[in-house]
């Protein structure tokens, strides 16, 4: 059905990001920008996203319930 990862709801409540990193804003930004540097087997693609845009995405994700 095209689903690869978990729901993004409740990201702020999770202890870890991708089972690899402590859930902090800086780590989430790092994951958004270059997930394969953290987990070479992830299905999440490396996007060409600026640090500023990654900060905006992370801030949004932390608002999801």
N, C-alpha and C. Protein backbone atom coordinates (compact mmCIF):
# COMPACT_ATOMS: atom_id res chain seq x y z
N UNK A 1 0.80 -1.20 0.00
CA UNK A 1 0.00 0.00 0.00
C UNK A 1 0.85 1.27 0.00
N UNK A 2 2.13 1.14 -0.21
CA UNK A 2 2.98 2.32 -0.28
C UNK A 2 3.46 2.83 1.06
N UNK A 3 3.23 2.09 2.12
CA UNK A 3 3.68 2.53 3.44
C UNK A 3 5.02 1.90 3.75
N UNK A 4 5.96 2.75 4.12
CA UNK A 4 7.29 2.26 4.43
C UNK A 4 7.63 2.48 5.89
N UNK A 5 7.34 3.66 6.40
CA UNK A 5 7.70 3.99 7.78
C UNK A 5 6.49 4.13 8.67
N UNK A 6 6.74 4.37 9.95
CA UNK A 6 5.65 4.53 10.90
C UNK A 6 4.95 5.87 10.71
N UNK A 7 3.83 6.01 11.35
CA UNK A 7 3.12 7.29 11.37
C UNK A 7 4.03 8.35 11.97
N UNK A 8 3.90 9.56 11.49
CA UNK A 8 4.70 10.65 12.04
C UNK A 8 4.03 11.31 13.24
N UNK A 9 2.80 10.93 13.51
CA UNK A 9 2.11 11.44 14.69
C UNK A 9 2.86 11.05 15.95
N UNK A 10 2.96 11.97 16.88
CA UNK A 10 3.60 11.68 18.15
C UNK A 10 5.11 11.62 18.12
N UNK A 11 5.72 12.17 17.09
CA UNK A 11 7.19 12.15 16.98
C UNK A 11 7.83 12.75 18.24
N UNK A 12 7.27 13.81 18.75
CA UNK A 12 7.86 14.49 19.92
C UNK A 12 7.91 13.59 21.15
N UNK A 13 7.02 12.62 21.24
CA UNK A 13 6.96 11.74 22.41
C UNK A 13 7.90 10.55 22.31
N UNK A 14 8.47 10.33 21.16
CA UNK A 14 9.34 9.16 20.98
C UNK A 14 10.71 9.42 21.59
N UNK A 15 11.28 8.38 22.15
CA UNK A 15 12.60 8.51 22.79
C UNK A 15 13.72 8.56 21.75
N UNK A 16 13.51 7.89 20.61
CA UNK A 16 14.57 7.78 19.62
C UNK A 16 14.06 8.09 18.22
N UNK A 17 14.97 8.49 17.38
CA UNK A 17 14.70 8.72 15.97
C UNK A 17 15.33 7.57 15.20
N UNK A 18 14.52 6.85 14.43
CA UNK A 18 14.99 5.74 13.61
C UNK A 18 15.72 4.68 14.44
N UNK A 19 15.34 4.54 15.67
CA UNK A 19 15.99 3.57 16.58
C UNK A 19 17.49 3.78 16.67
N UNK A 20 17.97 4.96 16.31
CA UNK A 20 19.42 5.17 16.27
C UNK A 20 19.88 6.40 17.04
N UNK A 21 19.05 7.42 17.12
CA UNK A 21 19.45 8.68 17.72
C UNK A 21 18.51 9.10 18.83
N UNK A 22 19.05 9.76 19.84
CA UNK A 22 18.20 10.37 20.85
C UNK A 22 17.31 11.41 20.15
N UNK A 23 16.07 11.49 20.57
CA UNK A 23 15.13 12.40 19.93
C UNK A 23 15.36 13.83 20.44
N UNK A 24 16.17 14.55 19.68
CA UNK A 24 16.41 15.97 19.94
C UNK A 24 16.17 16.72 18.64
N UNK A 25 15.88 18.02 18.71
CA UNK A 25 15.69 18.77 17.47
C UNK A 25 16.89 18.68 16.53
N UNK A 26 18.10 18.78 17.05
CA UNK A 26 19.28 18.72 16.19
C UNK A 26 19.41 17.37 15.51
N UNK A 27 19.11 16.30 16.23
CA UNK A 27 19.18 14.97 15.62
C UNK A 27 18.09 14.77 14.58
N UNK A 28 16.91 15.31 14.83
CA UNK A 28 15.84 15.18 13.84
C UNK A 28 16.21 15.96 12.58
N UNK A 29 16.79 17.11 12.74
CA UNK A 29 17.25 17.89 11.58
C UNK A 29 18.30 17.10 10.81
N UNK A 30 19.21 16.51 11.53
CA UNK A 30 20.25 15.68 10.89
C UNK A 30 19.62 14.52 10.12
N UNK A 31 18.65 13.85 10.73
CA UNK A 31 17.95 12.73 10.09
C UNK A 31 17.22 13.19 8.83
N UNK A 32 16.54 14.31 8.90
CA UNK A 32 15.79 14.83 7.76
C UNK A 32 16.74 15.14 6.61
N UNK A 33 17.88 15.71 6.91
CA UNK A 33 18.82 16.13 5.86
C UNK A 33 19.60 14.97 5.25
N UNK A 34 20.00 13.99 6.06
CA UNK A 34 20.85 12.93 5.53
C UNK A 34 20.65 11.63 6.31
N UNK A 35 19.49 10.99 6.14
CA UNK A 35 19.20 9.79 6.93
C UNK A 35 20.16 8.63 6.68
N UNK A 36 20.70 8.56 5.51
CA UNK A 36 21.60 7.42 5.20
C UNK A 36 22.96 7.54 5.87
N UNK A 37 23.29 8.72 6.37
CA UNK A 37 24.52 8.85 7.15
C UNK A 37 24.34 8.24 8.54
N UNK A 38 23.09 8.05 8.93
CA UNK A 38 22.76 7.48 10.23
C UNK A 38 22.42 6.00 10.10
N UNK A 39 21.68 5.65 9.06
CA UNK A 39 21.28 4.26 8.82
C UNK A 39 21.39 3.98 7.33
N UNK A 40 22.43 3.27 6.95
CA UNK A 40 22.67 3.02 5.52
C UNK A 40 21.60 2.15 4.88
N UNK A 41 20.77 1.48 5.68
CA UNK A 41 19.74 0.60 5.14
C UNK A 41 18.34 1.22 5.13
N UNK A 42 18.25 2.49 5.50
CA UNK A 42 16.94 3.13 5.55
C UNK A 42 16.34 3.27 4.15
N UNK A 43 15.03 3.27 4.10
CA UNK A 43 14.34 3.51 2.82
C UNK A 43 14.15 5.00 2.58
N UNK A 44 14.37 5.80 3.61
CA UNK A 44 14.20 7.25 3.46
C UNK A 44 15.32 7.81 2.60
N UNK A 45 14.96 8.52 1.55
CA UNK A 45 15.99 9.06 0.67
C UNK A 45 16.68 10.28 1.28
N UNK A 46 17.90 10.49 0.86
CA UNK A 46 18.60 11.72 1.23
C UNK A 46 18.08 12.82 0.33
N UNK A 47 17.55 13.85 0.96
CA UNK A 47 16.95 14.96 0.22
C UNK A 47 17.93 16.13 0.22
N UNK A 48 17.85 16.93 -0.77
CA UNK A 48 18.68 18.14 -0.84
C UNK A 48 17.91 19.28 -0.15
N UNK A 49 17.86 19.21 1.17
CA UNK A 49 17.09 20.17 1.95
C UNK A 49 18.07 21.03 2.74
N UNK A 50 17.86 22.33 2.71
CA UNK A 50 18.73 23.23 3.46
C UNK A 50 18.51 23.04 4.96
N UNK A 51 19.46 23.47 5.74
CA UNK A 51 19.33 23.38 7.20
C UNK A 51 18.11 24.16 7.66
N UNK A 52 17.86 25.31 7.07
CA UNK A 52 16.71 26.13 7.44
C UNK A 52 15.39 25.40 7.18
N UNK A 53 15.27 24.79 6.03
CA UNK A 53 14.05 24.05 5.71
C UNK A 53 13.91 22.82 6.60
N UNK A 54 15.01 22.15 6.89
CA UNK A 54 14.97 20.98 7.78
C UNK A 54 14.52 21.41 9.18
N UNK A 55 14.95 22.58 9.63
CA UNK A 55 14.49 23.10 10.93
C UNK A 55 12.99 23.33 10.91
N UNK A 56 12.49 23.88 9.82
CA UNK A 56 11.05 24.11 9.70
C UNK A 56 10.28 22.78 9.71
N UNK A 57 10.78 21.79 8.99
CA UNK A 57 10.13 20.48 8.95
C UNK A 57 10.14 19.85 10.33
N UNK A 58 11.28 19.90 11.01
CA UNK A 58 11.39 19.33 12.36
C UNK A 58 10.42 20.03 13.31
N UNK A 59 10.35 21.34 13.24
CA UNK A 59 9.43 22.09 14.11
C UNK A 59 7.99 21.65 13.86
N UNK A 60 7.63 21.47 12.60
CA UNK A 60 6.29 21.00 12.26
C UNK A 60 6.05 19.59 12.81
N UNK A 61 7.00 18.69 12.60
CA UNK A 61 6.83 17.32 13.06
C UNK A 61 6.62 17.25 14.57
N UNK A 62 7.28 18.12 15.31
CA UNK A 62 7.12 18.13 16.76
C UNK A 62 5.75 18.62 17.20
N UNK A 63 4.98 19.19 16.29
CA UNK A 63 3.62 19.64 16.65
C UNK A 63 2.58 18.55 16.45
N UNK A 64 2.92 17.50 15.72
CA UNK A 64 1.95 16.46 15.40
C UNK A 64 1.58 15.63 16.64
N UNK A 65 0.32 15.39 16.78
CA UNK A 65 -0.18 14.60 17.94
C UNK A 65 -0.30 13.15 17.58
